[in-house]
Amino acid sequence: MFKGRHFDRTIILLCVRWYLSYNLSLRDLKEMMAERGIEIDHSTIHRWIIHFSPRLLETFNRRKRQVSCRWHLDETLSN
């Protein structure tokens, strides 16, 4: 999935995760990466989000546990 990319996969995943989780703008992410010594253009981050978001969602849904119809109730005593 990340073969041939200029940046390391951890940087790509970090930018995509922060964008989707914390409602940050692309320019905010650019500044945050610049503070860490990584120069990335905001359009590059946008391309990553467009490219990797559907793939990450698909991977997540494949690994997600199935919800069952069974309910387990612990018995408690009340006095």
C-alpha atoms as a PDB file:
ATOM      1  CA  MET A   1       0.000   0.000   0.000  1.00  0.00           C
ATOM      2  CA  PHE A   2       2.872   2.379   0.789  1.00  0.00           C
ATOM      3  CA  LYS A   3       5.435   1.086  -1.691  1.00  0.00           C
ATOM      4  CA  GLY A   4       7.131   3.815  -3.716  1.00  0.00           C
ATOM      5  CA  ARG A   5       6.056   6.690  -1.449  1.00  0.00           C
ATOM      6  CA  HIS A   6       8.507   9.495  -0.744  1.00  0.00           C
ATOM      7  CA  PHE A   7       7.524   9.743   2.921  1.00  0.00           C
ATOM      8  CA  ASP A   8       7.555   7.015   5.537  1.00  0.00           C
ATOM      9  CA  ARG A   9       4.282   5.179   6.144  1.00  0.00           C
ATOM     10  CA  THR A  10       4.161   6.353   9.782  1.00  0.00           C
ATOM     11  CA  ILE A  11       4.079   9.988   8.660  1.00  0.00           C
ATOM     12  CA  ILE A  12       1.350   9.287   6.117  1.00  0.00           C
ATOM     13  CA  LEU A  13      -0.786   7.386   8.621  1.00  0.00           C
ATOM     14  CA  LEU A  14      -0.259  10.039  11.281  1.00  0.00           C
ATOM     15  CA  CYS A  15      -1.424  12.846   8.982  1.00  0.00           C
ATOM     16  CA  VAL A  16      -4.457  10.902   7.762  1.00  0.00           C
ATOM     17  CA  ARG A  17      -5.412   9.881  11.295  1.00  0.00           C
ATOM     18  CA  TRP A  18      -5.080  13.396  12.711  1.00  0.00           C
ATOM     19  CA  TYR A  19      -7.080  14.874   9.845  1.00  0.00           C
ATOM     20  CA  LEU A  20      -9.929  12.395  10.239  1.00  0.00           C
ATOM     21  CA  SER A  21      -9.948  12.270  14.037  1.00  0.00           C
ATOM     22  CA  TYR A  22      -9.370  15.827  15.173  1.00  0.00           C
ATOM     23  CA  ASN A  23     -10.947  17.992  12.464  1.00  0.00           C
ATOM     24  CA  LEU A  24      -7.676  19.755  11.648  1.00  0.00           C
ATOM     25  CA  SER A  25      -7.190  21.729   8.470  1.00  0.00           C
ATOM     26  CA  LEU A  26      -4.600  20.679   5.914  1.00  0.00           C
ATOM     27  CA  ARG A  27      -2.549  23.781   6.653  1.00  0.00           C
ATOM     28  CA  ASP A  28      -2.651  22.998  10.388  1.00  0.00           C
ATOM     29  CA  LEU A  29      -1.232  19.563   9.642  1.00  0.00           C
ATOM     30  CA  LYS A  30       1.432  21.154   7.445  1.00  0.00           C
ATOM     31  CA  GLU A  31       2.463  23.404  10.345  1.00  0.00           C
ATOM     32  CA  MET A  32       2.442  20.522  12.837  1.00  0.00           C
ATOM     33  CA  MET A  33       4.717  18.466  10.610  1.00  0.00           C
ATOM     34  CA  ALA A  34       6.990  21.484  10.063  1.00  0.00           C
ATOM     35  CA  GLU A  35       7.368  21.794  13.853  1.00  0.00           C
ATOM     36  CA  ARG A  36       8.645  18.211  13.804  1.00  0.00           C
ATOM     37  CA  GLY A  37      11.125  18.980  11.013  1.00  0.00           C
ATOM     38  CA  ILE A  38       9.134  17.428   8.168  1.00  0.00           C
ATOM     39  CA  GLU A  39       8.324  19.678   5.218  1.00  0.00           C
ATOM     40  CA  ILE A  40       5.102  18.590   3.490  1.00  0.00           C
ATOM     41  CA  ASP A  41       2.824  20.579   1.258  1.00  0.00           C
ATOM     42  CA  HIS A  42      -0.860  20.687   2.208  1.00  0.00           C
ATOM     43  CA  SER A  43      -1.848  19.358  -1.226  1.00  0.00           C
ATOM     44  CA  THR A  44       0.284  16.259  -0.607  1.00  0.00           C
ATOM     45  CA  ILE A  45      -1.580  15.613   2.645  1.00  0.00           C
ATOM     46  CA  HIS A  46      -4.871  16.075   0.792  1.00  0.00           C
ATOM     47  CA  ARG A  47      -3.851  13.484  -1.817  1.00  0.00           C
ATOM     48  CA  TRP A  48      -2.927  11.063   0.993  1.00  0.00           C
ATOM     49  CA  ILE A  49      -6.335  11.509   2.606  1.00  0.00           C
ATOM     50  CA  ILE A  50      -8.168  10.955  -0.685  1.00  0.00           C
ATOM     51  CA  HIS A  51      -6.039   7.888  -1.496  1.00  0.00           C
ATOM     52  CA  PHE A  52      -5.678   6.161   1.869  1.00  0.00           C
ATOM     53  CA  SER A  53      -8.964   6.879   3.700  1.00  0.00           C
ATOM     54  CA  PRO A  54     -11.088   4.375   1.748  1.00  0.00           C
ATOM     55  CA  ARG A  55      -8.356   1.730   1.968  1.00  0.00           C
ATOM     56  CA  LEU A  56      -7.939   2.179   5.705  1.00  0.00           C
ATOM     57  CA  LEU A  57     -11.708   2.007   6.211  1.00  0.00           C
ATOM     58  CA  GLU A  58     -11.852  -1.231   4.217  1.00  0.00           C
ATOM     59  CA  THR A  59      -9.017  -2.718   6.276  1.00  0.00           C
ATOM     60  CA  PHE A  60     -10.674  -1.635   9.506  1.00  0.00           C
ATOM     61  CA  ASN A  61     -14.023  -3.143   8.531  1.00  0.00           C
ATOM     62  CA  ARG A  62     -12.396  -6.467   7.631  1.00  0.00           C
ATOM     63  CA  ARG A  63     -10.710  -6.708  11.040  1.00  0.00           C
ATOM     64  CA  LYS A  64     -13.653  -5.427  13.059  1.00  0.00           C
ATOM     65  CA  ARG A  65     -15.316  -7.951  15.344  1.00  0.00           C
ATOM     66  CA  GLN A  66     -18.796  -9.058  14.460  1.00  0.00           C
ATOM     67  CA  VAL A  67     -21.590  -7.965  16.755  1.00  0.00           C
ATOM     68  CA  SER A  68     -23.630 -10.875  18.036  1.00  0.00           C
ATOM     69  CA  CYS A  69     -27.276 -11.031  19.023  1.00  0.00           C
ATOM     70  CA  ARG A  70     -26.486 -12.531  22.427  1.00  0.00           C
ATOM     71  CA  TRP A  71     -26.611 -10.503  25.584  1.00  0.00           C
ATOM     72  CA  HIS A  72     -24.886 -11.581  28.785  1.00  0.00           C
ATOM     73  CA  LEU A  73     -26.248 -10.165  31.995  1.00  0.00           C
ATOM     74  CA  ASP A  74     -24.407 -10.414  35.290  1.00  0.00           C
ATOM     75  CA  GLU A  75     -26.536 -11.311  38.240  1.00  0.00           C
ATOM     76  CA  THR A  76     -26.367  -8.854  41.099  1.00  0.00           C
ATOM     77  CA  LEU A  77     -27.910  -9.051  44.506  1.00  0.00           C
ATOM     78  CA  SER A  78     -29.666  -6.029  45.893  1.00  0.00           C
ATOM     79  CA  ASN A  79     -30.552  -5.787  49.528  1.00  0.00           C
END
